[in-house]
Amino acid sequence: MKFIEAEAQQRLGNFSAAAEALNAAITASMQRVTGSAQPAYLAVYGATAADMAENGLERIFTEKHIDMFLQTESWVDWRRSIPAGAAPTVSGIPALTAPAGNLTDNAFPRRYLYPPSELDNNAANIPETSLLARVFWDR
């Protein structure tokens, strides 16, 4: 929740509150993973209001990606951070590189495909789509 609060405060221009929320999120993440607050990590990767004014969204999305790695929300946030109308090879935050020879010809997938169970049981209601088709909010 603190990552979401940090992003909201950042988008409102409340850089001090955004830094405070991000630092709380980092601390909670470290406590969850390691069992302690890891002040040395916070000293290096924690944020100040000046940091947030300079590149706050990048800091928030990067730390949130680290915390939520391999969870769907991490991918959704990464997609949300891609500039509107960008080419399919443009990365979100954090900056990633599409692997050479992937199924989408070096572009980043934009959506999941429908699962086989849906294709078997509800084929009449499934639109034609691909990994590169944009979802409704990503147009």
N, C-alpha and C. Protein backbone atom coordinates (compact mmCIF):
# COMPACT_ATOMS: atom_id res chain seq x y z
N MET A 1 0.82 -1.20 0.00
CA MET A 1 0.00 0.00 0.00
C MET A 1 0.86 1.26 0.00
N LYS A 2 2.00 1.19 0.65
CA LYS A 2 2.87 2.38 0.72
C LYS A 2 3.44 2.73 -0.65
N PHE A 3 3.68 1.72 -1.51
CA PHE A 3 4.13 2.03 -2.87
C PHE A 3 3.04 2.80 -3.62
N ILE A 4 1.81 2.39 -3.46
CA ILE A 4 0.68 3.07 -4.12
C ILE A 4 0.54 4.49 -3.56
N GLU A 5 0.68 4.62 -2.25
CA GLU A 5 0.63 5.95 -1.64
C GLU A 5 1.76 6.83 -2.17
N ALA A 6 2.95 6.26 -2.30
CA ALA A 6 4.09 7.03 -2.81
C ALA A 6 3.82 7.52 -4.22
N GLU A 7 3.26 6.64 -5.06
CA GLU A 7 2.96 7.06 -6.43
C GLU A 7 1.90 8.15 -6.46
N ALA A 8 0.87 8.00 -5.65
CA ALA A 8 -0.20 9.01 -5.61
C ALA A 8 0.36 10.37 -5.16
N GLN A 9 1.17 10.36 -4.11
CA GLN A 9 1.76 11.61 -3.62
C GLN A 9 2.70 12.21 -4.67
N GLN A 10 3.44 11.35 -5.37
CA GLN A 10 4.34 11.82 -6.42
C GLN A 10 3.56 12.50 -7.53
N ARG A 11 2.48 11.88 -7.97
CA ARG A 11 1.68 12.44 -9.06
C ARG A 11 0.99 13.75 -8.64
N LEU A 12 0.75 13.91 -7.33
CA LEU A 12 0.18 15.15 -6.82
C LEU A 12 1.23 16.24 -6.60
N GLY A 13 2.50 15.88 -6.74
CA GLY A 13 3.58 16.84 -6.53
C GLY A 13 3.98 17.00 -5.08
N ASN A 14 3.51 16.12 -4.20
CA ASN A 14 3.88 16.15 -2.79
C ASN A 14 5.13 15.29 -2.59
N PHE A 15 6.28 15.83 -2.96
CA PHE A 15 7.51 15.04 -3.02
C PHE A 15 7.99 14.58 -1.65
N SER A 16 7.79 15.40 -0.64
CA SER A 16 8.19 15.00 0.71
C SER A 16 7.35 13.82 1.20
N ALA A 17 6.05 13.90 1.00
CA ALA A 17 5.16 12.80 1.40
C ALA A 17 5.43 11.55 0.55
N ALA A 18 5.77 11.75 -0.71
CA ALA A 18 6.09 10.62 -1.58
C ALA A 18 7.36 9.92 -1.10
N ALA A 19 8.37 10.70 -0.71
CA ALA A 19 9.62 10.12 -0.21
C ALA A 19 9.37 9.36 1.08
N GLU A 20 8.56 9.93 1.96
CA GLU A 20 8.24 9.27 3.24
C GLU A 20 7.52 7.94 2.99
N ALA A 21 6.56 7.93 2.09
CA ALA A 21 5.83 6.71 1.78
C ALA A 21 6.73 5.68 1.12
N LEU A 22 7.59 6.11 0.20
CA LEU A 22 8.50 5.18 -0.46
C LEU A 22 9.47 4.57 0.54
N ASN A 23 10.01 5.37 1.44
CA ASN A 23 10.92 4.84 2.46
C ASN A 23 10.21 3.83 3.36
N ALA A 24 8.96 4.11 3.70
CA ALA A 24 8.19 3.16 4.50
C ALA A 24 7.94 1.86 3.73
N ALA A 25 7.69 1.99 2.42
CA ALA A 25 7.47 0.81 1.58
C ALA A 25 8.74 -0.03 1.48
N ILE A 26 9.89 0.62 1.30
CA ILE A 26 11.15 -0.10 1.22
C ILE A 26 11.44 -0.82 2.53
N THR A 27 11.22 -0.14 3.64
CA THR A 27 11.45 -0.73 4.95
C THR A 27 10.54 -1.95 5.16
N ALA A 28 9.27 -1.82 4.82
CA ALA A 28 8.33 -2.94 4.97
C ALA A 28 8.74 -4.11 4.07
N SER A 29 9.18 -3.81 2.87
CA SER A 29 9.62 -4.84 1.94
C SER A 29 10.83 -5.59 2.50
N MET A 30 11.79 -4.85 3.02
CA MET A 30 12.98 -5.49 3.61
C MET A 30 12.62 -6.33 4.83
N GLN A 31 11.72 -5.83 5.65
CA GLN A 31 11.30 -6.59 6.83
C GLN A 31 10.60 -7.88 6.42
N ARG A 32 9.79 -7.82 5.39
CA ARG A 32 9.07 -9.01 4.92
C ARG A 32 10.03 -10.06 4.38
N VAL A 33 11.02 -9.62 3.62
CA VAL A 33 11.92 -10.55 2.96
C VAL A 33 13.04 -11.03 3.87
N THR A 34 13.65 -10.13 4.63
CA THR A 34 14.83 -10.49 5.42
C THR A 34 14.58 -10.61 6.92
N GLY A 35 13.45 -10.08 7.38
CA GLY A 35 13.17 -10.13 8.82
C GLY A 35 13.65 -8.92 9.58
N SER A 36 14.37 -8.00 8.91
CA SER A 36 14.77 -6.76 9.57
C SER A 36 14.65 -5.60 8.58
N ALA A 37 14.73 -4.39 9.10
CA ALA A 37 14.50 -3.20 8.29
C ALA A 37 15.62 -2.90 7.30
N GLN A 38 16.80 -3.46 7.49
CA GLN A 38 17.95 -3.24 6.61
C GLN A 38 18.25 -1.75 6.40
N PRO A 39 18.65 -1.05 7.48
CA PRO A 39 18.93 0.38 7.35
C PRO A 39 20.03 0.70 6.33
N ALA A 40 20.97 -0.22 6.10
CA ALA A 40 22.03 0.04 5.11
C ALA A 40 21.42 0.14 3.71
N TYR A 41 20.44 -0.69 3.39
CA TYR A 41 19.78 -0.63 2.08
C TYR A 41 19.01 0.68 1.96
N LEU A 42 18.29 1.03 3.02
CA LEU A 42 17.52 2.28 3.00
C LEU A 42 18.44 3.49 2.87
N ALA A 43 19.62 3.42 3.47
CA ALA A 43 20.56 4.54 3.36
C ALA A 43 21.01 4.76 1.92
N VAL A 44 21.12 3.69 1.16
CA VAL A 44 21.57 3.80 -0.23
C VAL A 44 20.40 4.07 -1.17
N TYR A 45 19.28 3.36 -0.99
CA TYR A 45 18.17 3.42 -1.94
C TYR A 45 16.95 4.19 -1.44
N GLY A 46 17.01 4.70 -0.24
CA GLY A 46 15.91 5.52 0.27
C GLY A 46 15.83 6.83 -0.48
N ALA A 47 14.75 7.56 -0.29
CA ALA A 47 14.51 8.77 -1.08
C ALA A 47 14.34 9.99 -0.19
N THR A 48 14.69 11.13 -0.77
CA THR A 48 14.42 12.42 -0.15
C THR A 48 13.45 13.16 -1.07
N ALA A 49 12.93 14.27 -0.60
CA ALA A 49 12.02 15.06 -1.44
C ALA A 49 12.72 15.51 -2.72
N ALA A 50 14.00 15.85 -2.63
CA ALA A 50 14.74 16.27 -3.83
C ALA A 50 14.88 15.12 -4.83
N ASP A 51 15.12 13.91 -4.31
CA ASP A 51 15.20 12.74 -5.20
C ASP A 51 13.88 12.53 -5.93
N MET A 52 12.79 12.67 -5.20
CA MET A 52 11.47 12.43 -5.78
C MET A 52 11.13 13.50 -6.82
N ALA A 53 11.56 14.73 -6.59
CA ALA A 53 11.30 15.79 -7.57
C ALA A 53 12.07 15.52 -8.86
N GLU A 54 13.24 14.90 -8.73
CA GLU A 54 14.09 14.66 -9.91
C GLU A 54 13.63 13.44 -10.71
N ASN A 55 13.44 12.31 -10.06
CA ASN A 55 13.07 11.08 -10.77
C ASN A 55 12.25 10.14 -9.88
N GLY A 56 11.22 10.68 -9.29
CA GLY A 56 10.42 9.95 -8.32
C GLY A 56 9.71 8.73 -8.85
N LEU A 57 9.04 8.85 -10.00
CA LEU A 57 8.32 7.68 -10.52
C LEU A 57 9.28 6.54 -10.84
N GLU A 58 10.44 6.87 -11.36
CA GLU A 58 11.43 5.83 -11.66
C GLU A 58 11.85 5.11 -10.38
N ARG A 59 12.08 5.86 -9.33
CA ARG A 59 12.48 5.26 -8.05
C ARG A 59 11.36 4.39 -7.48
N ILE A 60 10.14 4.89 -7.53
CA ILE A 60 9.00 4.13 -6.99
C ILE A 60 8.79 2.84 -7.77
N PHE A 61 8.72 2.94 -9.10
CA PHE A 61 8.46 1.76 -9.91
C PHE A 61 9.60 0.74 -9.80
N THR A 62 10.84 1.21 -9.70
CA THR A 62 11.96 0.29 -9.58
C THR A 62 11.90 -0.48 -8.27
N GLU A 63 11.70 0.23 -7.16
CA GLU A 63 11.63 -0.46 -5.86
C GLU A 63 10.40 -1.37 -5.77
N LYS A 64 9.29 -0.92 -6.34
CA LYS A 64 8.09 -1.76 -6.33
C LYS A 64 8.31 -3.01 -7.17
N HIS A 65 9.02 -2.87 -8.29
CA HIS A 65 9.34 -4.03 -9.14
C HIS A 65 10.21 -5.02 -8.37
N ILE A 66 11.19 -4.52 -7.64
CA ILE A 66 12.04 -5.40 -6.83
C ILE A 66 11.20 -6.13 -5.78
N ASP A 67 10.32 -5.41 -5.12
CA ASP A 67 9.49 -6.01 -4.07
C ASP A 67 8.51 -7.03 -4.63
N MET A 68 7.94 -6.76 -5.78
CA MET A 68 6.87 -7.61 -6.31
C MET A 68 7.32 -8.46 -7.49
N PHE A 69 8.61 -8.71 -7.62
CA PHE A 69 9.14 -9.47 -8.74
C PHE A 69 8.41 -10.80 -8.89
N LEU A 70 8.07 -11.14 -10.11
CA LEU A 70 7.34 -12.36 -10.50
C LEU A 70 5.87 -12.35 -10.10
N GLN A 71 5.35 -11.21 -9.69
CA GLN A 71 3.93 -11.09 -9.42
C GLN A 71 3.30 -10.28 -10.56
N THR A 72 2.07 -10.58 -10.88
CA THR A 72 1.40 -9.95 -12.02
C THR A 72 1.38 -8.43 -11.89
N GLU A 73 1.19 -7.92 -10.70
CA GLU A 73 1.10 -6.47 -10.53
C GLU A 73 2.39 -5.77 -10.96
N SER A 74 3.52 -6.44 -10.80
CA SER A 74 4.78 -5.86 -11.23
C SER A 74 4.78 -5.64 -12.74
N TRP A 75 4.27 -6.62 -13.48
CA TRP A 75 4.20 -6.49 -14.94
C TRP A 75 3.20 -5.41 -15.33
N VAL A 76 2.08 -5.35 -14.65
CA VAL A 76 1.07 -4.34 -14.95
C VAL A 76 1.63 -2.93 -14.71
N ASP A 77 2.35 -2.74 -13.61
CA ASP A 77 2.97 -1.44 -13.35
C ASP A 77 4.01 -1.11 -14.40
N TRP A 78 4.78 -2.11 -14.81
CA TRP A 78 5.79 -1.89 -15.84
C TRP A 78 5.11 -1.43 -17.13
N ARG A 79 4.02 -2.10 -17.52
CA ARG A 79 3.30 -1.70 -18.73
C ARG A 79 2.71 -0.30 -18.59
N ARG A 80 2.19 0.02 -17.41
CA ARG A 80 1.60 1.34 -17.16
C ARG A 80 2.62 2.46 -17.32
N SER A 81 3.89 2.15 -17.09
CA SER A 81 4.92 3.18 -17.14
C SER A 81 5.50 3.41 -18.54
N ILE A 82 5.02 2.65 -19.53
CA ILE A 82 5.46 2.86 -20.91
C ILE A 82 4.77 4.12 -21.43
N PRO A 83 5.51 5.03 -22.07
CA PRO A 83 4.87 6.26 -22.58
C PRO A 83 3.74 5.94 -23.56
N ALA A 84 2.69 6.71 -23.50
CA ALA A 84 1.53 6.51 -24.37
C ALA A 84 1.95 6.58 -25.83
N GLY A 85 1.46 5.63 -26.61
CA GLY A 85 1.73 5.59 -28.04
C GLY A 85 3.12 5.13 -28.42
N ALA A 86 3.90 4.65 -27.46
CA ALA A 86 5.27 4.22 -27.74
C ALA A 86 5.28 2.94 -28.58
N ALA A 87 6.36 2.76 -29.29
CA ALA A 87 6.53 1.54 -30.11
C ALA A 87 6.58 0.32 -29.19
N PRO A 88 6.26 -0.86 -29.72
CA PRO A 88 6.24 -2.06 -28.88
C PRO A 88 7.61 -2.49 -28.37
N THR A 89 8.67 -1.85 -28.83
CA THR A 89 10.00 -2.19 -28.34
C THR A 89 10.47 -1.26 -27.22
N VAL A 90 9.66 -0.26 -26.88
CA VAL A 90 9.99 0.69 -25.81
C VAL A 90 9.63 0.07 -24.47
N SER A 91 10.56 0.17 -23.53
CA SER A 91 10.38 -0.41 -22.21
C SER A 91 9.72 0.58 -21.25
N GLY A 92 9.12 0.01 -20.21
CA GLY A 92 8.62 0.82 -19.11
C GLY A 92 9.71 0.94 -18.06
N ILE A 93 9.30 1.21 -16.82
CA ILE A 93 10.23 1.33 -15.70
C ILE A 93 10.07 0.09 -14.82
N PRO A 94 11.15 -0.62 -14.52
CA PRO A 94 12.54 -0.39 -14.89
C PRO A 94 12.79 -0.72 -16.36
N ALA A 95 13.86 -0.15 -16.89
CA ALA A 95 14.20 -0.36 -18.29
C ALA A 95 14.63 -1.81 -18.52
N LEU A 96 13.92 -2.48 -19.39
CA LEU A 96 14.21 -3.87 -19.72
C LEU A 96 14.51 -3.97 -21.21
N THR A 97 15.11 -5.07 -21.61
CA THR A 97 15.39 -5.33 -23.01
C THR A 97 14.69 -6.62 -23.39
N ALA A 98 13.91 -6.58 -24.46
CA ALA A 98 13.24 -7.79 -24.92
C ALA A 98 14.28 -8.78 -25.43
N PRO A 99 14.15 -10.04 -25.08
CA PRO A 99 15.14 -11.02 -25.54
C PRO A 99 15.09 -11.21 -27.05
N ALA A 100 16.24 -11.37 -27.64
CA ALA A 100 16.31 -11.59 -29.09
C ALA A 100 15.60 -12.88 -29.45
N GLY A 101 14.84 -12.83 -30.53
CA GLY A 101 14.17 -14.02 -31.02
C GLY A 101 12.98 -14.47 -30.17
N ASN A 102 12.39 -13.57 -29.39
CA ASN A 102 11.23 -13.98 -28.60
C ASN A 102 10.00 -14.15 -29.51
N LEU A 103 8.91 -14.63 -28.95
CA LEU A 103 7.71 -14.91 -29.74
C LEU A 103 7.10 -13.69 -30.40
N THR A 104 7.47 -12.52 -29.94
CA THR A 104 6.89 -11.29 -30.47
C THR A 104 7.89 -10.48 -31.30
N ASP A 105 8.91 -11.15 -31.82
CA ASP A 105 9.92 -10.49 -32.68
C ASP A 105 10.55 -9.28 -32.01
N ASN A 106 11.08 -9.47 -30.83
CA ASN A 106 11.83 -8.45 -30.08
C ASN A 106 10.96 -7.32 -29.53
N ALA A 107 9.66 -7.49 -29.55
CA ALA A 107 8.76 -6.51 -28.92
C ALA A 107 8.36 -7.07 -27.56
N PHE A 108 7.81 -6.19 -26.73
CA PHE A 108 7.35 -6.63 -25.42
C PHE A 108 5.89 -7.08 -25.49
N PRO A 109 5.54 -8.20 -24.88
CA PRO A 109 4.14 -8.61 -24.84
C PRO A 109 3.31 -7.57 -24.10
N ARG A 110 2.11 -7.31 -24.58
CA ARG A 110 1.24 -6.30 -23.98
C ARG A 110 0.09 -6.90 -23.19
N ARG A 111 -0.17 -8.19 -23.38
CA ARG A 111 -1.30 -8.81 -22.67
C ARG A 111 -1.07 -10.30 -22.59
N TYR A 112 -1.82 -10.93 -21.71
CA TYR A 112 -1.86 -12.40 -21.65
C TYR A 112 -2.84 -12.90 -22.70
N LEU A 113 -2.62 -14.09 -23.18
CA LEU A 113 -3.61 -14.71 -24.06
C LEU A 113 -4.65 -15.41 -23.19
N TYR A 114 -5.79 -15.71 -23.79
CA TYR A 114 -6.83 -16.42 -23.05
C TYR A 114 -6.36 -17.84 -22.76
N PRO A 115 -6.69 -18.37 -21.59
CA PRO A 115 -6.24 -19.72 -21.24
C PRO A 115 -6.99 -20.78 -22.04
N PRO A 116 -6.40 -21.97 -22.20
CA PRO A 116 -7.05 -23.04 -22.96
C PRO A 116 -8.44 -23.39 -22.45
N SER A 117 -8.65 -23.33 -21.14
CA SER A 117 -9.98 -23.65 -20.60
C SER A 117 -11.03 -22.68 -21.12
N GLU A 118 -10.66 -21.42 -21.28
CA GLU A 118 -11.59 -20.42 -21.81
C GLU A 118 -11.85 -20.67 -23.29
N LEU A 119 -10.81 -21.03 -24.01
CA LEU A 119 -10.98 -21.35 -25.44
C LEU A 119 -11.87 -22.57 -25.63
N ASP A 120 -11.75 -23.55 -24.75
CA ASP A 120 -12.56 -24.77 -24.86
C ASP A 120 -14.01 -24.54 -24.46
N ASN A 121 -14.23 -23.74 -23.43
CA ASN A 121 -15.57 -23.62 -22.85
C ASN A 121 -16.34 -22.37 -23.25
N ASN A 122 -15.67 -21.39 -23.85
CA ASN A 122 -16.35 -20.13 -24.13
C ASN A 122 -15.83 -19.49 -25.42
N ALA A 123 -15.50 -20.30 -26.39
CA ALA A 123 -14.86 -19.82 -27.62
C ALA A 123 -15.68 -18.76 -28.35
N ALA A 124 -16.99 -18.81 -28.26
CA ALA A 124 -17.84 -17.86 -28.98
C ALA A 124 -17.69 -16.44 -28.46
N ASN A 125 -17.18 -16.27 -27.24
CA ASN A 125 -17.07 -14.95 -26.63
C ASN A 125 -15.64 -14.44 -26.52
N ILE A 126 -14.74 -15.03 -27.26
CA ILE A 126 -13.34 -14.62 -27.17
C ILE A 126 -12.94 -13.92 -28.46
N PRO A 127 -12.54 -12.66 -28.36
CA PRO A 127 -12.12 -11.95 -29.57
C PRO A 127 -10.76 -12.45 -30.06
N GLU A 128 -10.49 -12.25 -31.32
CA GLU A 128 -9.19 -12.58 -31.87
C GLU A 128 -8.17 -11.62 -31.25
N THR A 129 -7.06 -12.14 -30.77
CA THR A 129 -6.07 -11.29 -30.12
C THR A 129 -4.68 -11.87 -30.29
N SER A 130 -3.70 -11.12 -29.84
CA SER A 130 -2.31 -11.59 -29.88
C SER A 130 -1.59 -11.05 -28.65
N LEU A 131 -0.35 -11.48 -28.47
CA LEU A 131 0.44 -10.99 -27.35
C LEU A 131 0.74 -9.50 -27.47
N LEU A 132 0.67 -8.95 -28.67
CA LEU A 132 0.96 -7.53 -28.89
C LEU A 132 -0.27 -6.63 -28.88
N ALA A 133 -1.46 -7.23 -28.85
CA ALA A 133 -2.69 -6.43 -28.82
C ALA A 133 -2.75 -5.67 -27.49
N ARG A 134 -3.14 -4.44 -27.55
CA ARG A 134 -3.21 -3.61 -26.33
C ARG A 134 -4.56 -3.81 -25.64
N VAL A 135 -4.54 -3.82 -24.32
CA VAL A 135 -5.77 -3.89 -23.54
C VAL A 135 -6.44 -2.51 -23.57
N PHE A 136 -7.67 -2.42 -23.13
CA PHE A 136 -8.46 -1.20 -23.29
C PHE A 136 -7.81 0.05 -22.72
N TRP A 137 -7.07 -0.04 -21.62
CA TRP A 137 -6.48 1.14 -21.00
C TRP A 137 -5.12 1.48 -21.59
N ASP A 138 -4.63 0.66 -22.51
CA ASP A 138 -3.27 0.80 -23.02
C ASP A 138 -3.27 1.24 -24.49
N ARG A 139 -4.27 1.95 -24.92
CA ARG A 139 -4.37 2.32 -26.34
C ARG A 139 -3.78 3.66 -26.64
